[in-house]
């Protein structure tokens, strides 16, 4: 197998002229949000809410069954 070294790394064009001077705006919440709770490794999580349930910010939605972290809805930074 032949390797092709890239000297100095890859430097793609930035194309910042469309957004470089724009302020970052928060996105509106979608009407429905899908949060995958199955990890690529480890035991499946115990789901604590049912499909279609309304959940609050920071609410625990799945609990780990093995060495994988629990999942919760995201809290915005304080």
C-alpha atoms as a PDB file:
ATOM      1  CA  UNK A   1       0.000   0.000   0.000  1.00  0.00           C
ATOM      2  CA  UNK A   2       1.502   3.288  -1.070  1.00  0.00           C
ATOM      3  CA  UNK A   3       1.065   6.322   1.180  1.00  0.00           C
ATOM      4  CA  UNK A   4       0.867   9.840  -0.176  1.00  0.00           C
ATOM      5  CA  UNK A   5       2.335  12.289   2.312  1.00  0.00           C
ATOM      6  CA  UNK A   6       0.784  15.744   2.423  1.00  0.00           C
ATOM      7  CA  UNK A   7       3.487  18.224   3.331  1.00  0.00           C
ATOM      8  CA  UNK A   8       2.280  21.060   5.520  1.00  0.00           C
ATOM      9  CA  UNK A   9      -1.259  19.695   5.872  1.00  0.00           C
ATOM     10  CA  UNK A  10      -4.367  20.450   3.872  1.00  0.00           C
ATOM     11  CA  UNK A  11      -5.401  24.088   3.441  1.00  0.00           C
ATOM     12  CA  UNK A  12      -8.801  24.330   1.732  1.00  0.00           C
ATOM     13  CA  UNK A  13     -10.242  27.677   0.681  1.00  0.00           C
ATOM     14  CA  UNK A  14     -12.151  29.225   3.584  1.00  0.00           C
ATOM     15  CA  UNK A  15     -15.044  30.889   1.702  1.00  0.00           C
ATOM     16  CA  UNK A  16     -15.835  33.116   4.687  1.00  0.00           C
ATOM     17  CA  UNK A  17     -17.047  36.055   2.607  1.00  0.00           C
ATOM     18  CA  UNK A  18     -20.696  34.975   2.961  1.00  0.00           C
ATOM     19  CA  UNK A  19     -20.735  34.476   6.720  1.00  0.00           C
ATOM     20  CA  UNK A  20     -17.506  35.871   8.157  1.00  0.00           C
ATOM     21  CA  UNK A  21     -19.068  39.163   9.285  1.00  0.00           C
ATOM     22  CA  UNK A  22     -22.463  37.713  10.314  1.00  0.00           C
ATOM     23  CA  UNK A  23     -23.519  37.319  13.948  1.00  0.00           C
ATOM     24  CA  UNK A  24     -24.216  33.801  15.201  1.00  0.00           C
ATOM     25  CA  UNK A  25     -27.965  33.392  15.698  1.00  0.00           C
ATOM     26  CA  UNK A  26     -29.711  30.748  17.808  1.00  0.00           C
ATOM     27  CA  UNK A  27     -31.725  28.259  15.802  1.00  0.00           C
ATOM     28  CA  UNK A  28     -35.396  27.703  16.662  1.00  0.00           C
ATOM     29  CA  UNK A  29     -36.269  24.374  18.223  1.00  0.00           C
ATOM     30  CA  UNK A  30     -37.742  21.840  15.807  1.00  0.00           C
ATOM     31  CA  UNK A  31     -41.303  20.614  16.332  1.00  0.00           C
ATOM     32  CA  UNK A  32     -39.929  17.105  16.857  1.00  0.00           C
ATOM     33  CA  UNK A  33     -36.444  16.152  18.001  1.00  0.00           C
ATOM     34  CA  UNK A  34     -34.845  12.726  17.676  1.00  0.00           C
ATOM     35  CA  UNK A  35     -32.110  11.809  20.160  1.00  0.00           C
ATOM     36  CA  UNK A  36     -30.395   8.475  19.496  1.00  0.00           C
ATOM     37  CA  UNK A  37     -29.671   6.708  22.782  1.00  0.00           C
ATOM     38  CA  UNK A  38     -27.915   3.588  21.526  1.00  0.00           C
ATOM     39  CA  UNK A  39     -24.144   3.856  21.646  1.00  0.00           C
ATOM     40  CA  UNK A  40     -21.864   2.078  19.192  1.00  0.00           C
ATOM     41  CA  UNK A  41     -20.410   0.068  22.082  1.00  0.00           C
ATOM     42  CA  UNK A  42     -21.647  -0.990  25.479  1.00  0.00           C
ATOM     43  CA  UNK A  43     -24.985  -2.142  26.837  1.00  0.00           C
ATOM     44  CA  UNK A  44     -28.185  -0.497  25.573  1.00  0.00           C
ATOM     45  CA  UNK A  45     -29.494   2.308  27.794  1.00  0.00           C
ATOM     46  CA  UNK A  46     -32.717   1.976  29.807  1.00  0.00           C
ATOM     47  CA  UNK A  47     -35.171   4.387  28.172  1.00  0.00           C
ATOM     48  CA  UNK A  48     -36.973   6.477  30.816  1.00  0.00           C
ATOM     49  CA  UNK A  49     -39.447   8.309  28.554  1.00  0.00           C
ATOM     50  CA  UNK A  50     -41.879   7.072  25.926  1.00  0.00           C
ATOM     51  CA  UNK A  51     -41.896   8.089  22.275  1.00  0.00           C
ATOM     52  CA  UNK A  52     -43.924  11.264  21.911  1.00  0.00           C
ATOM     53  CA  UNK A  53     -43.484  12.389  25.547  1.00  0.00           C
ATOM     54  CA  UNK A  54     -42.784  16.056  26.187  1.00  0.00           C
ATOM     55  CA  UNK A  55     -39.518  16.451  28.091  1.00  0.00           C
ATOM     56  CA  UNK A  56     -37.958  19.388  29.903  1.00  0.00           C
ATOM     57  CA  UNK A  57     -34.439  20.795  29.617  1.00  0.00           C
ATOM     58  CA  UNK A  58     -32.023  18.674  31.618  1.00  0.00           C
ATOM     59  CA  UNK A  59     -34.522  15.819  32.121  1.00  0.00           C
ATOM     60  CA  UNK A  60     -32.916  12.377  32.209  1.00  0.00           C
ATOM     61  CA  UNK A  61     -34.219  10.438  29.210  1.00  0.00           C
ATOM     62  CA  UNK A  62     -32.079   7.276  29.402  1.00  0.00           C
ATOM     63  CA  UNK A  63     -30.019   5.585  32.108  1.00  0.00           C
ATOM     64  CA  UNK A  64     -26.889   3.575  31.465  1.00  0.00           C
ATOM     65  CA  UNK A  65     -26.893  -0.161  31.955  1.00  0.00           C
ATOM     66  CA  UNK A  66     -23.143  -0.637  31.671  1.00  0.00           C
ATOM     67  CA  UNK A  67     -20.115   1.652  31.444  1.00  0.00           C
ATOM     68  CA  UNK A  68     -21.762   4.126  29.020  1.00  0.00           C
ATOM     69  CA  UNK A  69     -22.827   7.599  30.170  1.00  0.00           C
ATOM     70  CA  UNK A  70     -26.462   8.440  30.890  1.00  0.00           C
ATOM     71  CA  UNK A  71     -28.249  10.699  28.422  1.00  0.00           C
ATOM     72  CA  UNK A  72     -30.238  13.810  29.167  1.00  0.00           C
ATOM     73  CA  UNK A  73     -31.636  16.713  27.253  1.00  0.00           C
ATOM     74  CA  UNK A  74     -29.093  19.470  26.745  1.00  0.00           C
ATOM     75  CA  UNK A  75     -28.984  22.461  29.038  1.00  0.00           C
ATOM     76  CA  UNK A  76     -27.792  25.704  27.507  1.00  0.00           C
ATOM     77  CA  UNK A  77     -24.588  27.135  29.019  1.00  0.00           C
ATOM     78  CA  UNK A  78     -25.143  29.331  32.076  1.00  0.00           C
END
